[in-house]
């Protein structure tokens, strides 16, 4: 019998949660599932990759910040046409929409995935409101899945979902695509004109949650090395102005399609977030055997083993971040290489995407069996 799953996402753009969902869709399709992806907002990424994997993409044509009855009707129509056995939702708005849609369009199994420990904007009141909506609609979901142990603990302690319905399935990384490659390293460092400089890499949306100002201030205190930042977002101009003010050797690379090569070119990876789930960029760096210096938020400590695969520091502390950066930079090359190798070993053992897809498949089958 054909197994049918629809993956509903708030958006389909260049972001960690969206990338994870696209990889899951492709992996499930490869394992024989009939997979369809539905984006609430018009897609701006991953359509080509999903088409190549044989996964159709639907859009509800909704707009950010506004409820849409027409979008809800479109979702109901799509679900009636596809008749999925499982509706697997990703991120707050899709989680909520998928639960409510079940009232008029019965689906045997509905799963919500929380990609962050706190799903909110800067406003704490908004976080509380979202969590209240999760509690109210919990009965309409068969399971709420966190991408890290830290997320599941917080959801249980805050009563956002009952512990019996909470699961943990981590984000996964394509360990074949993200792996050490000496040739790619030399070529990319040559293209960057990096020479023998210590190269730091950061990758992710230029957004308040990533707290790039703390990173720039920490790097500005180093007086050595080169910082590459791959990504785009609403804070780009402000961050550029801060880097110029600090006279820091920073290059903003914009959105890049060659992140595996950039990872290979780096001596160390940086993450300065104040809020996280299980950051995909950190998994990609670890899988590339790049030691990391990161803030201890969300599930970061589940990737970065302090002192073994990198260093952890408190969030929002440029001095602590700068000290850890200096510590990694001053390590003997052999010791730093061993730290990177330990990072890859840990990433492959616990977060390989092929194994993560199997874990999702087992959860689907368990819930369908009930």
Protein backbone atom coordinates (compact mmCIF):
# COMPACT_ATOMS: atom_id res chain seq x y z
CA UNK A 1 0.00 0.00 0.00
CA UNK A 2 1.28 3.48 -0.88
CA UNK A 3 2.13 5.52 2.19
CA UNK A 4 1.14 9.18 1.81
CA UNK A 5 2.51 12.14 3.77
CA UNK A 6 2.03 15.88 3.29
CA UNK A 7 4.60 18.25 4.80
CA UNK A 8 3.05 21.63 5.66
CA UNK A 9 5.44 24.54 6.26
CA UNK A 10 4.94 28.16 7.18
CA UNK A 11 7.39 29.07 4.44
CA UNK A 12 9.71 27.56 1.87
CA UNK A 13 12.68 29.92 1.91
CA UNK A 14 16.42 29.68 2.63
CA UNK A 15 16.38 28.81 6.30
CA UNK A 16 17.39 25.96 8.57
CA UNK A 17 13.88 24.65 9.29
CA UNK A 18 12.89 24.82 5.63
CA UNK A 19 16.12 23.12 4.52
CA UNK A 20 15.52 20.35 7.03
CA UNK A 21 11.97 19.83 5.79
CA UNK A 22 13.13 19.71 2.16
CA UNK A 23 15.77 17.09 3.02
CA UNK A 24 13.20 15.05 4.92
CA UNK A 25 10.80 15.18 1.96
CA UNK A 26 13.49 13.98 -0.44
CA UNK A 27 14.59 11.25 1.96
CA UNK A 28 11.05 9.95 2.45
CA UNK A 29 10.42 9.98 -1.30
CA UNK A 30 13.57 7.92 -1.80
CA UNK A 31 12.24 5.40 0.73
CA UNK A 32 9.02 4.93 -1.22
CA UNK A 33 6.64 7.42 0.39
CA UNK A 34 4.21 9.49 -1.67
CA UNK A 35 5.35 12.94 -0.47
CA UNK A 36 3.89 16.39 -1.11
CA UNK A 37 5.09 19.73 0.30
CA UNK A 38 2.67 22.58 1.05
CA UNK A 39 3.93 26.10 1.83
CA UNK A 40 1.62 28.69 3.38
CA UNK A 41 3.59 31.53 1.76
CA UNK A 42 4.71 31.57 -1.89
CA UNK A 43 7.93 29.49 -2.10
CA UNK A 44 11.23 31.26 -2.74
CA UNK A 45 13.61 28.29 -2.41
CA UNK A 46 13.96 24.51 -2.67
CA UNK A 47 11.43 24.11 -5.50
CA UNK A 48 14.07 22.85 -7.95
CA UNK A 49 15.62 20.47 -5.43
CA UNK A 50 12.21 19.04 -4.51
CA UNK A 51 11.18 18.70 -8.15
CA UNK A 52 14.41 16.81 -8.86
CA UNK A 53 13.53 14.46 -5.98
CA UNK A 54 10.04 13.91 -7.40
CA UNK A 55 8.25 15.89 -4.68
CA UNK A 56 5.41 18.23 -5.80
CA UNK A 57 5.14 21.64 -4.11
CA UNK A 58 1.85 23.48 -3.45
CA UNK A 59 1.44 27.05 -2.24
CA UNK A 60 -1.50 28.45 -0.27
CA UNK A 61 -0.61 31.95 -1.54
CA UNK A 62 -0.88 33.51 1.91
CA UNK A 63 0.88 36.71 3.00
CA UNK A 64 3.02 37.28 6.11
CA UNK A 65 1.19 38.76 9.08
CA UNK A 66 -2.37 38.26 7.85
CA UNK A 67 -4.93 35.49 8.30
CA UNK A 68 -6.41 34.18 5.07
CA UNK A 69 -9.68 32.32 4.76
CA UNK A 70 -8.85 31.70 1.10
CA UNK A 71 -5.56 30.05 2.13
CA UNK A 72 -7.39 27.84 4.62
CA UNK A 73 -9.88 26.80 1.94
CA UNK A 74 -6.99 26.04 -0.43
CA UNK A 75 -5.36 23.81 2.19
CA UNK A 76 -8.60 21.90 2.74
CA UNK A 77 -8.97 21.43 -1.01
CA UNK A 78 -5.39 20.18 -1.36
CA UNK A 79 -5.77 17.75 1.53
CA UNK A 80 -9.00 16.37 0.12
CA UNK A 81 -7.25 15.82 -3.20
CA UNK A 82 -4.05 14.28 -1.79
CA UNK A 83 -5.72 12.33 1.04
CA UNK A 84 -2.50 12.01 3.09
CA UNK A 85 -2.37 9.54 5.94
CA UNK A 86 -0.05 11.94 7.77
CA UNK A 87 0.01 15.73 7.88
CA UNK A 88 3.44 16.69 9.21
CA UNK A 89 3.63 20.40 10.09
CA UNK A 90 6.70 22.60 10.57
CA UNK A 91 6.97 25.91 12.49
CA UNK A 92 4.33 27.73 14.52
CA UNK A 93 1.86 29.00 11.92
CA UNK A 94 1.83 25.74 9.98
CA UNK A 95 1.53 23.75 13.21
CA UNK A 96 -1.53 25.75 14.17
CA UNK A 97 -3.08 25.70 10.69
CA UNK A 98 -2.59 21.95 10.32
CA UNK A 99 -4.30 21.29 13.65
CA UNK A 100 -7.30 23.48 12.84
CA UNK A 101 -7.60 22.06 9.30
CA UNK A 102 -8.17 18.65 10.86
CA UNK A 103 -11.57 19.85 12.12
CA UNK A 104 -12.98 20.04 8.59
CA UNK A 105 -10.68 17.72 6.70
CA UNK A 106 -9.97 14.57 8.73
CA UNK A 107 -6.40 13.26 8.52
CA UNK A 108 -5.47 10.07 10.40
CA UNK A 109 -2.27 11.55 11.91
CA UNK A 110 -1.23 15.17 12.51
CA UNK A 111 2.28 15.94 13.79
CA UNK A 112 3.63 19.35 14.88
CA UNK A 113 7.36 20.06 14.75
CA UNK A 114 8.86 22.80 16.94
CA UNK A 115 12.15 23.90 15.38
CA UNK A 116 13.14 26.25 18.22
CA UNK A 117 13.08 26.21 22.00
CA UNK A 118 11.08 29.47 21.81
CA UNK A 119 8.99 30.17 18.69
CA UNK A 120 8.56 33.93 18.81
CA UNK A 121 9.68 37.40 17.82
CA UNK A 122 11.53 39.68 20.27
CA UNK A 123 8.27 40.27 22.13
CA UNK A 124 7.92 37.94 25.11
CA UNK A 125 4.15 38.51 25.05
CA UNK A 126 3.99 37.02 21.58
CA UNK A 127 5.81 33.90 22.79
CA UNK A 128 3.31 33.47 25.60
CA UNK A 129 0.42 33.92 23.17
CA UNK A 130 1.79 31.32 20.78
CA UNK A 131 2.36 28.85 23.58
CA UNK A 132 -1.20 29.39 24.79
CA UNK A 133 -2.46 28.55 21.29
CA UNK A 134 -0.38 25.38 21.32
CA UNK A 135 -2.01 24.33 24.61
CA UNK A 136 -5.53 25.08 23.35
CA UNK A 137 -5.08 23.10 20.13
CA UNK A 138 -2.95 20.26 21.52
CA UNK A 139 -5.84 17.78 21.35
CA UNK A 140 -5.83 18.16 17.56
CA UNK A 141 -2.24 16.87 17.25
CA UNK A 142 -1.12 13.28 17.72
CA UNK A 143 2.43 14.31 18.64
CA UNK A 144 4.58 17.40 19.11
CA UNK A 145 8.18 16.79 18.11
CA UNK A 146 11.10 18.90 19.30
CA UNK A 147 14.38 18.91 17.37
CA UNK A 148 16.46 18.79 20.56
CA UNK A 149 16.25 17.50 24.12
CA UNK A 150 16.38 21.06 25.45
CA UNK A 151 13.27 21.95 23.45
CA UNK A 152 11.32 18.94 24.66
CA UNK A 153 12.25 19.70 28.28
CA UNK A 154 11.09 23.29 27.99
CA UNK A 155 7.80 22.36 26.31
CA UNK A 156 7.07 19.80 29.03
CA UNK A 157 8.03 22.11 31.92
CA UNK A 158 5.98 24.98 30.50
CA UNK A 159 2.98 22.74 29.88
CA UNK A 160 2.97 23.58 26.17
CA UNK A 161 2.38 19.92 25.34
CA UNK A 162 1.88 16.90 27.61
CA UNK A 163 5.00 14.83 28.12
CA UNK A 164 3.28 11.67 26.80
CA UNK A 165 2.82 13.37 23.41
CA UNK A 166 6.29 14.93 23.21
CA UNK A 167 9.04 13.31 21.13
CA UNK A 168 12.56 14.29 20.14
CA UNK A 169 13.86 13.73 16.61
CA UNK A 170 16.93 15.87 15.87
CA UNK A 171 17.75 17.79 12.75
CA UNK A 172 19.98 15.86 10.38
CA UNK A 173 22.97 16.67 8.23
CA UNK A 174 24.02 15.27 4.86
CA UNK A 175 27.38 13.89 6.00
CA UNK A 176 28.33 13.05 2.43
CA UNK A 177 27.88 16.61 1.19
CA UNK A 178 29.42 18.17 4.30
CA UNK A 179 32.74 16.45 4.85
CA UNK A 180 36.44 17.40 4.93
CA UNK A 181 37.92 17.95 1.49
CA UNK A 182 41.55 19.14 1.25
CA UNK A 183 41.26 20.06 -2.43
CA UNK A 184 38.12 22.14 -1.88
CA UNK A 185 39.80 23.82 1.09
CA UNK A 186 42.83 24.95 -0.91
CA UNK A 187 40.74 26.11 -3.85
CA UNK A 188 38.31 28.14 -1.74
CA UNK A 189 41.03 29.71 0.39
CA UNK A 190 42.81 30.72 -2.81
CA UNK A 191 39.60 32.25 -4.21
CA UNK A 192 39.09 34.14 -0.96
CA UNK A 193 42.69 35.32 -0.88
CA UNK A 194 42.87 34.04 2.68
CA UNK A 195 46.53 33.03 2.57
CA UNK A 196 47.61 31.81 6.00
CA UNK A 197 45.03 33.84 7.92
CA UNK A 198 42.84 32.18 10.51
CA UNK A 199 39.41 32.11 8.85
CA UNK A 200 36.23 32.21 10.94
CA UNK A 201 32.92 31.38 9.26
CA UNK A 202 29.37 32.18 10.34
CA UNK A 203 26.35 31.16 8.28
CA UNK A 204 22.70 32.00 8.80
CA UNK A 205 20.02 34.61 8.41
CA UNK A 206 21.06 38.14 9.43
CA UNK A 207 18.36 38.32 12.07
CA UNK A 208 18.13 39.38 15.71
CA UNK A 209 18.04 35.80 17.03
CA UNK A 210 21.55 35.18 15.69
CA UNK A 211 22.93 38.18 17.64
CA UNK A 212 25.63 39.07 15.11
CA UNK A 213 26.51 42.32 16.97
CA UNK A 214 27.94 40.19 19.81
CA UNK A 215 29.91 38.17 17.25
CA UNK A 216 31.29 41.29 15.57
CA UNK A 217 32.34 42.82 18.88
CA UNK A 218 34.00 39.57 19.94
CA UNK A 219 35.82 39.31 16.62
CA UNK A 220 36.80 42.99 16.79
CA UNK A 221 38.69 42.25 20.00
CA UNK A 222 40.85 39.61 18.29
CA UNK A 223 42.94 41.93 16.10
CA UNK A 224 43.72 38.92 13.90
CA UNK A 225 42.06 36.71 11.32
CA UNK A 226 39.23 37.02 8.83
CA UNK A 227 35.51 36.63 9.54
CA UNK A 228 33.23 35.46 6.72
CA UNK A 229 29.46 35.79 7.18
CA UNK A 230 27.28 33.91 4.69
CA UNK A 231 23.63 34.89 4.66
CA UNK A 232 21.21 37.73 4.14
CA UNK A 233 18.49 39.34 6.20
CA UNK A 234 16.96 42.52 7.62
CA UNK A 235 19.98 43.50 9.75
CA UNK A 236 22.54 43.46 6.93
CA UNK A 237 23.06 47.23 6.65
CA UNK A 238 23.26 47.75 10.42
CA UNK A 239 25.79 44.94 10.77
CA UNK A 240 27.87 46.34 7.93
CA UNK A 241 27.94 49.71 9.67
CA UNK A 242 28.99 48.10 12.97
CA UNK A 243 31.78 46.13 11.26
CA UNK A 244 33.06 49.35 9.68
CA UNK A 245 32.90 51.14 13.02
CA UNK A 246 34.90 48.35 14.67
CA UNK A 247 37.38 48.33 11.77
CA UNK A 248 36.98 44.54 11.74
CA UNK A 249 38.22 42.34 8.90
CA UNK A 250 34.75 41.05 8.02
CA UNK A 251 33.31 40.04 4.66
CA UNK A 252 29.57 39.75 4.18
CA UNK A 253 29.15 37.10 1.48
CA UNK A 254 25.39 37.23 1.03
CA UNK A 255 23.39 34.12 0.22
CA UNK A 256 25.72 31.35 -0.96
CA UNK A 257 25.22 28.04 -2.69
CA UNK A 258 28.79 26.86 -1.94
CA UNK A 259 28.53 26.51 1.83
CA UNK A 260 30.29 23.07 1.88
CA UNK A 261 33.33 24.66 0.23
CA UNK A 262 33.22 27.62 2.63
CA UNK A 263 33.10 25.20 5.57
CA UNK A 264 36.23 23.51 4.27
CA UNK A 265 38.00 26.85 3.97
CA UNK A 266 37.31 27.76 7.61
CA UNK A 267 39.56 27.14 10.60
CA UNK A 268 36.70 27.70 13.03
CA UNK A 269 32.94 28.20 12.96
CA UNK A 270 31.08 30.83 15.00
CA UNK A 271 27.53 30.94 16.33
CA UNK A 272 26.37 33.74 18.66
CA UNK A 273 22.61 33.11 18.83
CA UNK A 274 20.39 34.06 21.75
CA UNK A 275 17.62 31.62 20.73
CA UNK A 276 18.02 28.30 18.91
CA UNK A 277 16.67 24.84 18.42
CA UNK A 278 19.29 22.56 16.87
CA UNK A 279 21.08 24.85 14.37
CA UNK A 280 21.64 23.25 10.98
CA UNK A 281 24.69 25.41 10.19
CA UNK A 282 26.37 24.14 13.34
CA UNK A 283 25.67 20.54 12.28
CA UNK A 284 27.11 21.27 8.85
CA UNK A 285 30.27 22.74 10.37
CA UNK A 286 30.71 19.78 12.72
CA UNK A 287 30.17 17.32 9.87
CA UNK A 288 32.83 19.24 7.90
CA UNK A 289 35.28 18.66 10.80
CA UNK A 290 35.36 22.37 11.70
CA UNK A 291 35.65 23.07 15.45
CA UNK A 292 33.04 25.56 16.70
CA UNK A 293 32.76 28.35 19.23
CA UNK A 294 29.09 28.80 20.07
CA UNK A 295 26.68 30.24 22.60
CA UNK A 296 25.11 27.69 24.93
CA UNK A 297 21.45 28.10 23.95
CA UNK A 298 18.74 25.64 22.90
CA UNK A 299 20.22 22.35 21.77
CA UNK A 300 23.66 23.75 20.90
CA UNK A 301 25.34 21.73 23.67
CA UNK A 302 23.95 18.58 22.05
CA UNK A 303 26.16 19.35 19.02
CA UNK A 304 29.15 21.14 20.57
CA UNK A 305 30.76 19.09 23.34
CA UNK A 306 32.57 21.76 25.34
CA UNK A 307 36.33 21.26 25.22
CA UNK A 308 36.04 18.22 22.92
CA UNK A 309 34.49 19.43 19.64
CA UNK A 310 34.54 23.17 20.33
CA UNK A 311 33.83 25.69 23.06
CA UNK A 312 30.58 26.93 24.61
CA UNK A 313 30.01 30.39 26.08
CA UNK A 314 27.02 32.25 27.59
CA UNK A 315 24.86 34.23 25.11
CA UNK A 316 25.18 38.00 24.80
CA UNK A 317 28.73 38.14 26.20
CA UNK A 318 31.27 39.47 23.65
CA UNK A 319 34.16 39.13 26.11
CA UNK A 320 33.48 35.44 26.80
CA UNK A 321 32.98 34.74 23.10
CA UNK A 322 36.22 36.58 22.26
CA UNK A 323 38.17 34.63 24.89
CA UNK A 324 36.92 31.29 23.53
CA UNK A 325 37.79 32.40 19.99
CA UNK A 326 41.30 33.27 21.10
CA UNK A 327 41.62 29.92 22.83
CA UNK A 328 40.69 28.02 19.65
CA UNK A 329 42.86 30.20 17.44
CA UNK A 330 45.94 29.69 19.65
CA UNK A 331 45.62 25.89 19.74
CA UNK A 332 48.32 23.89 17.99
CA UNK A 333 47.14 22.97 14.46
CA UNK A 334 47.25 19.25 15.28
CA UNK A 335 45.12 19.71 18.42
CA UNK A 336 42.61 21.84 16.49
CA UNK A 337 42.47 19.22 13.74
CA UNK A 338 41.75 16.51 16.30
CA UNK A 339 38.96 18.65 17.74
CA UNK A 340 37.45 18.95 14.26
CA UNK A 341 37.71 15.20 13.69
CA UNK A 342 35.91 14.59 17.00
CA UNK A 343 33.19 17.04 15.89
CA UNK A 344 32.61 15.09 12.67
CA UNK A 345 32.59 11.75 14.46
CA UNK A 346 29.92 13.04 16.87
CA UNK A 347 27.84 14.59 14.06
CA UNK A 348 27.87 11.45 11.91
CA UNK A 349 27.07 9.20 14.87
CA UNK A 350 24.09 11.22 16.12
CA UNK A 351 22.77 13.45 13.31
CA UNK A 352 23.28 11.70 9.97
CA UNK A 353 20.27 12.63 7.81
CA UNK A 354 19.67 9.10 6.52
CA UNK A 355 19.24 7.85 10.09
CA UNK A 356 17.03 10.83 10.98
CA UNK A 357 14.68 10.03 8.07
CA UNK A 358 14.34 6.47 9.39
CA UNK A 359 13.43 7.84 12.84
CA UNK A 360 10.65 9.94 11.30
CA UNK A 361 9.44 6.96 9.32
CA UNK A 362 9.24 4.87 12.51
CA UNK A 363 7.24 7.58 14.26
CA UNK A 364 4.83 7.80 11.32
CA UNK A 365 4.29 4.06 11.38
CA UNK A 366 3.85 3.99 15.15
CA UNK A 367 1.19 6.71 15.10
CA UNK A 368 -0.59 5.17 12.12
CA UNK A 369 -0.63 1.87 13.99
CA UNK A 370 -2.47 3.53 16.86
